[in-house]
Protein backbone atom coordinates (compact mmCIF):
# COMPACT_ATOMS: atom_id res chain seq x y z
CA UNK A 1 0.16 0.08 -0.31
CA UNK A 2 1.61 3.54 -1.21
CA UNK A 3 2.55 5.90 1.59
CA UNK A 4 1.22 9.75 0.98
CA UNK A 5 3.93 12.79 2.63
CA UNK A 6 1.91 15.54 3.75
CA UNK A 7 2.80 17.80 0.40
CA UNK A 8 0.72 15.14 -1.61
CA UNK A 9 -2.14 14.48 0.54
CA UNK A 10 -2.15 18.67 0.46
CA UNK A 11 -2.17 18.50 -3.35
CA UNK A 12 -4.93 15.92 -3.70
CA UNK A 13 -6.78 18.59 -1.04
CA UNK A 14 -6.49 20.97 -3.73
CA UNK A 15 -7.51 19.07 -6.84
CA UNK A 16 -11.32 18.63 -7.90
CA UNK A 17 -13.07 15.56 -7.85
CA UNK A 18 -13.26 13.65 -10.98
CA UNK A 19 -16.48 13.62 -12.73
CA UNK A 20 -18.13 11.53 -15.30
CA UNK A 21 -18.24 12.41 -18.37
CA UNK A 22 -21.36 14.11 -19.90
CA UNK A 23 -23.51 12.44 -22.66
CA UNK A 24 -22.20 15.38 -25.07
CA UNK A 25 -18.62 14.57 -24.40
CA UNK A 26 -19.03 10.89 -24.82
CA UNK A 27 -20.31 11.74 -28.09
CA UNK A 28 -18.18 14.05 -29.07
CA UNK A 29 -15.42 11.32 -28.77
CA UNK A 30 -17.67 8.97 -30.18
CA UNK A 31 -17.63 11.30 -32.81
CA UNK A 32 -13.84 11.88 -33.32
CA UNK A 33 -12.85 8.68 -33.34
CA UNK A 34 -15.33 8.00 -36.03
CA UNK A 35 -13.65 10.55 -37.98
CA UNK A 36 -9.89 8.97 -36.97
CA UNK A 37 -11.17 5.73 -39.00
CA UNK A 38 -12.76 7.70 -42.10
CA UNK A 39 -9.46 9.48 -42.23
CA UNK A 40 -7.36 6.44 -41.80
CA UNK A 41 -9.20 4.63 -44.02
CA UNK A 42 -9.05 7.63 -46.73
CA UNK A 43 -4.78 6.95 -46.39
CA UNK A 44 -5.08 3.67 -46.93
CA UNK A 45 -6.99 3.96 -49.96
CA UNK A 46 -5.25 6.88 -51.71
CA UNK A 47 -2.11 4.63 -51.00
CA UNK A 48 -3.93 2.05 -53.13
CA UNK A 49 -4.93 4.12 -55.35
CA UNK A 50 -1.51 5.24 -56.00
CA UNK A 51 0.73 2.31 -56.14
CA UNK A 52 -2.13 0.85 -58.13
CA UNK A 53 -1.22 4.36 -60.74
CA UNK A 54 2.30 3.62 -60.49
CA UNK A 55 2.33 -0.10 -61.51
CA UNK A 56 0.13 0.63 -64.52
CA UNK A 57 0.32 4.34 -65.31
CA UNK A 58 2.60 6.03 -63.51
CA UNK A 59 2.47 9.33 -65.19
CA UNK A 60 -1.30 9.74 -64.06
CA UNK A 61 -0.30 9.86 -60.18
CA UNK A 62 1.95 12.91 -61.36
CA UNK A 63 -0.44 15.32 -62.95
CA UNK A 64 -2.14 16.81 -59.62
CA UNK A 65 -0.60 17.68 -56.30
CA UNK A 66 -3.29 15.19 -54.65
CA UNK A 67 -3.76 12.12 -56.24
CA UNK A 68 -7.62 11.97 -53.76
CA UNK A 69 -8.64 15.46 -54.90
CA UNK A 70 -12.14 16.00 -56.45
CA UNK A 71 -10.45 17.13 -59.71
CA UNK A 72 -7.34 13.78 -59.95
CA UNK A 73 -10.18 11.55 -59.12
CA UNK A 74 -12.38 13.19 -62.02
CA UNK A 75 -8.88 13.07 -64.31
CA UNK A 76 -8.40 9.12 -63.38
CA UNK A 77 -12.36 8.17 -64.29
CA UNK A 78 -12.43 10.13 -67.45
CA UNK A 79 -8.84 9.23 -68.89
CA UNK A 80 -8.30 5.34 -67.12
CA UNK A 81 -5.41 4.58 -69.54
CA UNK A 82 -2.23 6.41 -71.08
CA UNK A 83 -4.20 5.29 -74.49
CA UNK A 84 -7.33 7.46 -73.46
CA UNK A 85 -5.11 10.38 -72.80
CA UNK A 86 -2.80 10.54 -75.55
CA UNK A 87 -4.85 12.54 -77.86
CA UNK A 88 -5.39 14.93 -74.64
CA UNK A 89 -4.19 18.45 -75.30
CA UNK A 90 -3.71 21.68 -74.54
CA UNK A 91 -7.00 22.82 -75.83
CA UNK A 92 -9.35 19.25 -74.49
CA UNK A 93 -7.03 19.62 -71.11
CA UNK A 94 -8.45 23.34 -70.50
CA UNK A 95 -11.85 22.31 -71.33
CA UNK A 96 -11.86 19.08 -69.02
CA UNK A 97 -10.50 21.43 -66.19
CA UNK A 98 -13.24 24.29 -66.51
CA UNK A 99 -15.77 21.33 -66.74
CA UNK A 100 -14.91 20.18 -63.80
CA UNK A 101 -14.40 23.81 -62.15
CA UNK A 102 -10.88 23.64 -61.48
CA UNK A 103 -9.23 26.57 -61.59
CA UNK A 104 -6.85 27.59 -64.40
CA UNK A 105 -4.71 29.76 -62.63
CA UNK A 106 -3.10 26.50 -61.27
CA UNK A 107 -2.04 24.92 -64.32
CA UNK A 108 1.34 24.50 -64.94
CA UNK A 109 2.62 26.47 -67.98
CA UNK A 110 4.81 23.68 -69.32
CA UNK A 111 2.12 21.80 -71.13
CA UNK A 112 5.20 19.40 -72.60
CA UNK A 113 5.64 18.74 -69.15
CA UNK A 114 2.17 17.52 -68.74
CA UNK A 115 2.43 15.27 -72.04
CA UNK A 116 5.24 13.80 -70.80
CA UNK A 117 2.91 12.84 -67.40
CA UNK A 118 0.26 11.39 -69.84
CA UNK A 119 2.80 9.43 -71.43
CA UNK A 120 3.77 7.66 -68.07
CA UNK A 121 7.18 9.38 -68.32
CA UNK A 122 7.55 11.35 -65.06
CA UNK A 123 11.06 11.76 -63.32
CA UNK A 124 11.15 10.94 -59.33
CA UNK A 125 12.13 14.83 -59.63
CA UNK A 126 9.43 16.33 -60.54
CA UNK A 127 6.77 17.61 -58.88
CA UNK A 128 3.08 17.30 -59.98
CA UNK A 129 2.30 19.33 -62.44
CA UNK A 130 -1.09 21.11 -61.44
């Protein structure tokens, strides 16, 4: 059995007794746990998507900064193979981005770099294009 010094007894007298958690706190904790689970699931799925793209079409993973962003997912859905994107030129890409309400100001001005990504030629040192 632990022994307490007079100092520790005085400190314990000043501490407020623990109270049971309110229903609101319990509900909030459950919501936070649920959100944490969703974030973890999204991360796993994003990593799976990136690995799949890297094995099949490496260029697609480098076109947009975030592979799980709505514009990147729309791009992958519309242009699911390198062949489907092979005829994608600057005007078609601009139309696709406009159709998906993507900010044109964030486009990389180097269309040749973008075309290399569509062909699957992305060096490890390259940064995301859009």
